């Protein structure tokens, strides 16, 4: 999964600045959370995030983004 997501950032000229993964327990299920801090050129950000969302969905995952 991370390899495919990394390719998306590269395709849109983005750079991963930091990456943090953790596992959380929520009642009877395990949640795996990956936080990626990235720099994406502003003119490509919306297309990059849309492609990331499609890639994650294709892998059965969810993605959320926050602009800082």
PDB file of N, CA and C in Angstrom:
ATOM      1  N   UNK A   1       0.816  -1.180   0.000  1.00  0.00           N
ATOM      2  CA  UNK A   1       0.000   0.000   0.000  1.00  0.00           C
ATOM      3  C   UNK A   1       0.868   1.255   0.000  1.00  0.00           C
ATOM      4  N   UNK A   2       1.861   1.302   0.865  1.00  0.00           N
ATOM      5  CA  UNK A   2       2.699   2.497   0.936  1.00  0.00           C
ATOM      6  C   UNK A   2       3.457   2.746  -0.360  1.00  0.00           C
ATOM      7  N   UNK A   3       3.840   1.687  -1.033  1.00  0.00           N
ATOM      8  CA  UNK A   3       4.538   1.857  -2.312  1.00  0.00           C
ATOM      9  C   UNK A   3       3.631   2.524  -3.337  1.00  0.00           C
ATOM     10  N   UNK A   4       2.380   2.101  -3.402  1.00  0.00           N
ATOM     11  CA  UNK A   4       1.450   2.696  -4.367  1.00  0.00           C
ATOM     12  C   UNK A   4       1.157   4.150  -4.020  1.00  0.00           C
ATOM     13  N   UNK A   5       0.996   4.434  -2.740  1.00  0.00           N
ATOM     14  CA  UNK A   5       0.745   5.817  -2.322  1.00  0.00           C
ATOM     15  C   UNK A   5       1.962   6.692  -2.607  1.00  0.00           C
ATOM     16  N   UNK A   6       3.146   6.169  -2.371  1.00  0.00           N
ATOM     17  CA  UNK A   6       4.375   6.919  -2.659  1.00  0.00           C
ATOM     18  C   UNK A   6       4.472   7.263  -4.136  1.00  0.00           C
ATOM     19  N   UNK A   7       4.068   6.338  -4.989  1.00  0.00           N
ATOM     20  CA  UNK A   7       4.084   6.591  -6.434  1.00  0.00           C
ATOM     21  C   UNK A   7       3.168   7.749  -6.799  1.00  0.00           C
ATOM     22  N   UNK A   8       2.019   7.839  -6.137  1.00  0.00           N
ATOM     23  CA  UNK A   8       1.086   8.935  -6.428  1.00  0.00           C
ATOM     24  C   UNK A   8       1.739  10.273  -6.086  1.00  0.00           C
ATOM     25  N   UNK A   9       2.360  10.359  -4.921  1.00  0.00           N
ATOM     26  CA  UNK A   9       3.040  11.612  -4.566  1.00  0.00           C
ATOM     27  C   UNK A   9       4.090  11.968  -5.609  1.00  0.00           C
ATOM     28  N   UNK A  10       4.860  10.992  -6.042  1.00  0.00           N
ATOM     29  CA  UNK A  10       5.901  11.232  -7.045  1.00  0.00           C
ATOM     30  C   UNK A  10       5.288  11.712  -8.354  1.00  0.00           C
ATOM     31  N   UNK A  11       4.202  11.085  -8.776  1.00  0.00           N
ATOM     32  CA  UNK A  11       3.554  11.461 -10.034  1.00  0.00           C
ATOM     33  C   UNK A  11       3.081  12.912 -10.035  1.00  0.00           C
ATOM     34  N   UNK A  12       2.749  13.441  -8.868  1.00  0.00           N
ATOM     35  CA  UNK A  12       2.244  14.810  -8.775  1.00  0.00           C
ATOM     36  C   UNK A  12       3.288  15.788  -8.242  1.00  0.00           C
ATOM     37  N   UNK A  13       4.540  15.379  -8.179  1.00  0.00           N
ATOM     38  CA  UNK A  13       5.609  16.269  -7.745  1.00  0.00           C
ATOM     39  C   UNK A  13       5.637  16.504  -6.251  1.00  0.00           C
ATOM     40  N   UNK A  14       5.000  15.637  -5.498  1.00  0.00           N
ATOM     41  CA  UNK A  14       4.963  15.778  -4.039  1.00  0.00           C
ATOM     42  C   UNK A  14       6.136  15.089  -3.373  1.00  0.00           C
ATOM     43  N   UNK A  15       6.405  15.488  -2.147  1.00  0.00           N
ATOM     44  CA  UNK A  15       7.470  14.893  -1.350  1.00  0.00           C
ATOM     45  C   UNK A  15       6.917  14.487   0.003  1.00  0.00           C
ATOM     46  N   UNK A  16       7.195  13.264   0.409  1.00  0.00           N
ATOM     47  CA  UNK A  16       6.824  12.825   1.753  1.00  0.00           C
ATOM     48  C   UNK A  16       7.870  13.351   2.710  1.00  0.00           C
ATOM     49  N   UNK A  17       7.419  14.103   3.702  1.00  0.00           N
ATOM     50  CA  UNK A  17       8.328  14.698   4.674  1.00  0.00           C
ATOM     51  C   UNK A  17       8.479  13.791   5.889  1.00  0.00           C
ATOM     52  N   UNK A  18       7.383  13.237   6.367  1.00  0.00           N
ATOM     53  CA  UNK A  18       7.456  12.277   7.474  1.00  0.00           C
ATOM     54  C   UNK A  18       6.311  11.282   7.344  1.00  0.00           C
ATOM     55  N   UNK A  19       6.513  10.126   7.953  1.00  0.00           N
ATOM     56  CA  UNK A  19       5.534   9.052   7.896  1.00  0.00           C
ATOM     57  C   UNK A  19       5.512   8.370   9.253  1.00  0.00           C
ATOM     58  N   UNK A  20       4.316   8.182   9.790  1.00  0.00           N
ATOM     59  CA  UNK A  20       4.162   7.550  11.096  1.00  0.00           C
ATOM     60  C   UNK A  20       3.011   6.559  11.010  1.00  0.00           C
ATOM     61  N   UNK A  21       3.240   5.340  11.464  1.00  0.00           N
ATOM     62  CA  UNK A  21       2.191   4.317  11.482  1.00  0.00           C
ATOM     63  C   UNK A  21       1.981   3.829  12.903  1.00  0.00           C
ATOM     64  N   UNK A  22       0.729   3.509  13.212  1.00  0.00           N
ATOM     65  CA  UNK A  22       0.424   2.938  14.518  1.00  0.00           C
ATOM     66  C   UNK A  22      -0.797   2.039  14.405  1.00  0.00           C
ATOM     67  N   UNK A  23      -0.919   1.184  15.388  1.00  0.00           N
ATOM     68  CA  UNK A  23      -2.045   0.267  15.471  1.00  0.00           C
ATOM     69  C   UNK A  23      -2.852   0.640  16.703  1.00  0.00           C
ATOM     70  N   UNK A  24      -4.161   0.748  16.523  1.00  0.00           N
ATOM     71  CA  UNK A  24      -5.055   1.050  17.642  1.00  0.00           C
ATOM     72  C   UNK A  24      -6.119  -0.019  17.723  1.00  0.00           C
ATOM     73  N   UNK A  25      -6.561  -0.281  18.932  1.00  0.00           N
ATOM     74  CA  UNK A  25      -7.637  -1.244  19.146  1.00  0.00           C
ATOM     75  C   UNK A  25      -8.922  -0.473  19.413  1.00  0.00           C
ATOM     76  N   UNK A  26      -9.962  -0.835  18.699  1.00  0.00           N
ATOM     77  CA  UNK A  26     -11.257  -0.189  18.828  1.00  0.00           C
ATOM     78  C   UNK A  26     -12.297  -1.291  19.010  1.00  0.00           C
ATOM     79  N   UNK A  27     -12.677  -1.547  20.235  1.00  0.00           N
ATOM     80  CA  UNK A  27     -13.595  -2.636  20.583  1.00  0.00           C
ATOM     81  C   UNK A  27     -13.044  -3.952  20.049  1.00  0.00           C
ATOM     82  N   UNK A  28     -13.689  -4.559  19.071  1.00  0.00           N
ATOM     83  CA  UNK A  28     -13.270  -5.872  18.581  1.00  0.00           C
ATOM     84  C   UNK A  28     -12.433  -5.813  17.309  1.00  0.00           C
ATOM     85  N   UNK A  29     -11.995  -4.645  16.915  1.00  0.00           N
ATOM     86  CA  UNK A  29     -11.222  -4.556  15.677  1.00  0.00           C
ATOM     87  C   UNK A  29      -9.923  -3.797  15.892  1.00  0.00           C
ATOM     88  N   UNK A  30      -9.002  -4.034  14.998  1.00  0.00           N
ATOM     89  CA  UNK A  30      -7.741  -3.315  15.020  1.00  0.00           C
ATOM     90  C   UNK A  30      -7.762  -2.273  13.913  1.00  0.00           C
ATOM     91  N   UNK A  31      -7.323  -1.096  14.226  1.00  0.00           N
ATOM     92  CA  UNK A  31      -7.212  -0.025  13.242  1.00  0.00           C
ATOM     93  C   UNK A  31      -5.744   0.261  13.000  1.00  0.00           C
ATOM     94  N   UNK A  32      -5.379   0.380  11.757  1.00  0.00           N
ATOM     95  CA  UNK A  32      -4.019   0.748  11.397  1.00  0.00           C
ATOM     96  C   UNK A  32      -4.079   2.156  10.822  1.00  0.00           C
ATOM     97  N   UNK A  33      -3.348   3.051  11.432  1.00  0.00           N
ATOM     98  CA  UNK A  33      -3.376   4.448  11.030  1.00  0.00           C
ATOM     99  C   UNK A  33      -1.984   4.847  10.555  1.00  0.00           C
ATOM    100  N   UNK A  34      -1.931   5.426   9.375  1.00  0.00           N
ATOM    101  CA  UNK A  34      -0.676   5.929   8.835  1.00  0.00           C
ATOM    102  C   UNK A  34      -0.837   7.424   8.607  1.00  0.00           C
ATOM    103  N   UNK A  35       0.034   8.182   9.225  1.00  0.00           N
ATOM    104  CA  UNK A  35       0.024   9.640   9.042  1.00  0.00           C
ATOM    105  C   UNK A  35       1.194  10.004   8.151  1.00  0.00           C
ATOM    106  N   UNK A  36       0.890  10.711   7.076  1.00  0.00           N
ATOM    107  CA  UNK A  36       1.911  11.148   6.128  1.00  0.00           C
ATOM    108  C   UNK A  36       1.871  12.669   6.073  1.00  0.00           C
ATOM    109  N   UNK A  37       2.989  13.280   6.375  1.00  0.00           N
ATOM    110  CA  UNK A  37       3.139  14.714   6.174  1.00  0.00           C
ATOM    111  C   UNK A  37       3.851  14.879   4.838  1.00  0.00           C
ATOM    112  N   UNK A  38       3.231  15.629   3.943  1.00  0.00           N
ATOM    113  CA  UNK A  38       3.781  15.739   2.590  1.00  0.00           C
ATOM    114  C   UNK A  38       3.698  17.174   2.094  1.00  0.00           C
ATOM    115  N   UNK A  39       4.565  17.473   1.183  1.00  0.00           N
ATOM    116  CA  UNK A  39       4.561  18.756   0.493  1.00  0.00           C
ATOM    117  C   UNK A  39       4.117  18.470  -0.942  1.00  0.00           C
ATOM    118  N   UNK A  40       2.984  19.040  -1.325  1.00  0.00           N
ATOM    119  CA  UNK A  40       2.440  18.857  -2.670  1.00  0.00           C
ATOM    120  C   UNK A  40       2.326  20.243  -3.298  1.00  0.00           C
ATOM    121  N   UNK A  41       2.806  20.427  -4.533  1.00  0.00           N
ATOM    122  CA  UNK A  41       2.653  21.737  -5.177  1.00  0.00           C
ATOM    123  C   UNK A  41       1.174  22.152  -5.163  1.00  0.00           C
ATOM    124  N   UNK A  42       0.887  23.378  -4.743  1.00  0.00           N
ATOM    125  CA  UNK A  42      -0.509  23.822  -4.596  1.00  0.00           C
ATOM    126  C   UNK A  42      -1.369  23.616  -5.843  1.00  0.00           C
ATOM    127  N   UNK A  43      -0.802  23.811  -7.010  1.00  0.00           N
ATOM    128  CA  UNK A  43      -1.581  23.684  -8.243  1.00  0.00           C
ATOM    129  C   UNK A  43      -1.897  22.217  -8.579  1.00  0.00           C
ATOM    130  N   UNK A  44      -1.259  21.278  -7.880  1.00  0.00           N
ATOM    131  CA  UNK A  44      -1.493  19.862  -8.131  1.00  0.00           C
ATOM    132  C   UNK A  44      -2.155  19.158  -6.948  1.00  0.00           C
ATOM    133  N   UNK A  45      -2.352  19.877  -5.862  1.00  0.00           N
ATOM    134  CA  UNK A  45      -2.814  19.260  -4.616  1.00  0.00           C
ATOM    135  C   UNK A  45      -4.180  18.585  -4.749  1.00  0.00           C
ATOM    136  N   UNK A  46      -5.158  19.248  -5.333  1.00  0.00           N
ATOM    137  CA  UNK A  46      -6.503  18.654  -5.396  1.00  0.00           C
ATOM    138  C   UNK A  46      -6.508  17.385  -6.250  1.00  0.00           C
ATOM    139  N   UNK A  47      -5.792  17.387  -7.372  1.00  0.00           N
ATOM    140  CA  UNK A  47      -5.728  16.179  -8.207  1.00  0.00           C
ATOM    141  C   UNK A  47      -4.948  15.065  -7.509  1.00  0.00           C
ATOM    142  N   UNK A  48      -3.890  15.428  -6.810  1.00  0.00           N
ATOM    143  CA  UNK A  48      -3.103  14.434  -6.078  1.00  0.00           C
ATOM    144  C   UNK A  48      -3.949  13.785  -4.986  1.00  0.00           C
ATOM    145  N   UNK A  49      -4.675  14.596  -4.221  1.00  0.00           N
ATOM    146  CA  UNK A  49      -5.502  14.060  -3.137  1.00  0.00           C
ATOM    147  C   UNK A  49      -6.640  13.193  -3.682  1.00  0.00           C
ATOM    148  N   UNK A  50      -7.207  13.579  -4.803  1.00  0.00           N
ATOM    149  CA  UNK A  50      -8.257  12.762  -5.416  1.00  0.00           C
ATOM    150  C   UNK A  50      -7.691  11.416  -5.872  1.00  0.00           C
ATOM    151  N   UNK A  51      -6.507  11.425  -6.451  1.00  0.00           N
ATOM    152  CA  UNK A  51      -5.869  10.185  -6.882  1.00  0.00           C
ATOM    153  C   UNK A  51      -5.507   9.321  -5.679  1.00  0.00           C
ATOM    154  N   UNK A  52      -5.037   9.941  -4.603  1.00  0.00           N
ATOM    155  CA  UNK A  52      -4.743   9.190  -3.376  1.00  0.00           C
ATOM    156  C   UNK A  52      -6.003   8.529  -2.825  1.00  0.00           C
ATOM    157  N   UNK A  53      -7.113   9.266  -2.833  1.00  0.00           N
ATOM    158  CA  UNK A  53      -8.377   8.711  -2.341  1.00  0.00           C
ATOM    159  C   UNK A  53      -8.811   7.525  -3.195  1.00  0.00           C
ATOM    160  N   UNK A  54      -8.684   7.628  -4.518  1.00  0.00           N
ATOM    161  CA  UNK A  54      -9.044   6.523  -5.416  1.00  0.00           C
ATOM    162  C   UNK A  54      -8.137   5.321  -5.196  1.00  0.00           C
ATOM    163  N   UNK A  55      -6.847   5.581  -5.005  1.00  0.00           N
ATOM    164  CA  UNK A  55      -5.889   4.504  -4.764  1.00  0.00           C
ATOM    165  C   UNK A  55      -6.207   3.794  -3.457  1.00  0.00           C
ATOM    166  N   UNK A  56      -6.462   4.557  -2.408  1.00  0.00           N
ATOM    167  CA  UNK A  56      -6.793   3.973  -1.103  1.00  0.00           C
ATOM    168  C   UNK A  56      -8.082   3.158  -1.193  1.00  0.00           C
ATOM    169  N   UNK A  57      -9.096   3.692  -1.857  1.00  0.00           N
ATOM    170  CA  UNK A  57     -10.368   2.978  -1.992  1.00  0.00           C
ATOM    171  C   UNK A  57     -10.181   1.669  -2.748  1.00  0.00           C
ATOM    172  N   UNK A  58      -9.329   1.692  -3.758  1.00  0.00           N
ATOM    173  CA  UNK A  58      -9.056   0.473  -4.514  1.00  0.00           C
ATOM    174  C   UNK A  58      -8.378  -0.596  -3.677  1.00  0.00           C
ATOM    175  N   UNK A  59      -7.725  -0.167  -2.601  1.00  0.00           N
ATOM    176  CA  UNK A  59      -7.065  -1.098  -1.687  1.00  0.00           C
ATOM    177  C   UNK A  59      -7.922  -1.398  -0.469  1.00  0.00           C
ATOM    178  N   UNK A  60      -9.176  -0.910  -0.482  1.00  0.00           N
ATOM    179  CA  UNK A  60     -10.086  -1.152   0.628  1.00  0.00           C
ATOM    180  C   UNK A  60      -9.780  -0.307   1.855  1.00  0.00           C
ATOM    181  N   UNK A  61      -9.172   0.846   1.643  1.00  0.00           N
ATOM    182  CA  UNK A  61      -8.769   1.730   2.737  1.00  0.00           C
ATOM    183  C   UNK A  61      -9.481   3.067   2.614  1.00  0.00           C
ATOM    184  N   UNK A  62      -9.393   3.872   3.681  1.00  0.00           N
ATOM    185  CA  UNK A  62      -9.933   5.228   3.662  1.00  0.00           C
ATOM    186  C   UNK A  62      -8.781   6.206   3.821  1.00  0.00           C
ATOM    187  N   UNK A  63      -8.988   7.400   3.315  1.00  0.00           N
ATOM    188  CA  UNK A  63      -7.976   8.437   3.442  1.00  0.00           C
ATOM    189  C   UNK A  63      -8.656   9.741   3.809  1.00  0.00           C
ATOM    190  N   UNK A  64      -8.010  10.523   4.627  1.00  0.00           N
ATOM    191  CA  UNK A  64      -8.482  11.874   4.908  1.00  0.00           C
ATOM    192  C   UNK A  64      -7.280  12.789   4.831  1.00  0.00           C
ATOM    193  N   UNK A  65      -7.528  14.024   4.466  1.00  0.00           N
ATOM    194  CA  UNK A  65      -6.432  14.983   4.276  1.00  0.00           C
ATOM    195  C   UNK A  65      -6.743  16.267   5.011  1.00  0.00           C
ATOM    196  N   UNK A  66      -5.695  16.913   5.426  1.00  0.00           N
ATOM    197  CA  UNK A  66      -5.814  18.192   6.120  1.00  0.00           C
ATOM    198  C   UNK A  66      -4.710  19.101   5.605  1.00  0.00           C
ATOM    199  N   UNK A  67      -5.087  20.273   5.144  1.00  0.00           N
ATOM    200  CA  UNK A  67      -4.087  21.223   4.657  1.00  0.00           C
ATOM    201  C   UNK A  67      -3.591  22.070   5.816  1.00  0.00           C
ATOM    202  N   UNK A  68      -2.296  22.188   5.922  1.00  0.00           N
ATOM    203  CA  UNK A  68      -1.703  22.998   6.996  1.00  0.00           C
ATOM    204  C   UNK A  68      -1.093  24.255   6.438  1.00  0.00           C
TER     205      UNK A  68
END
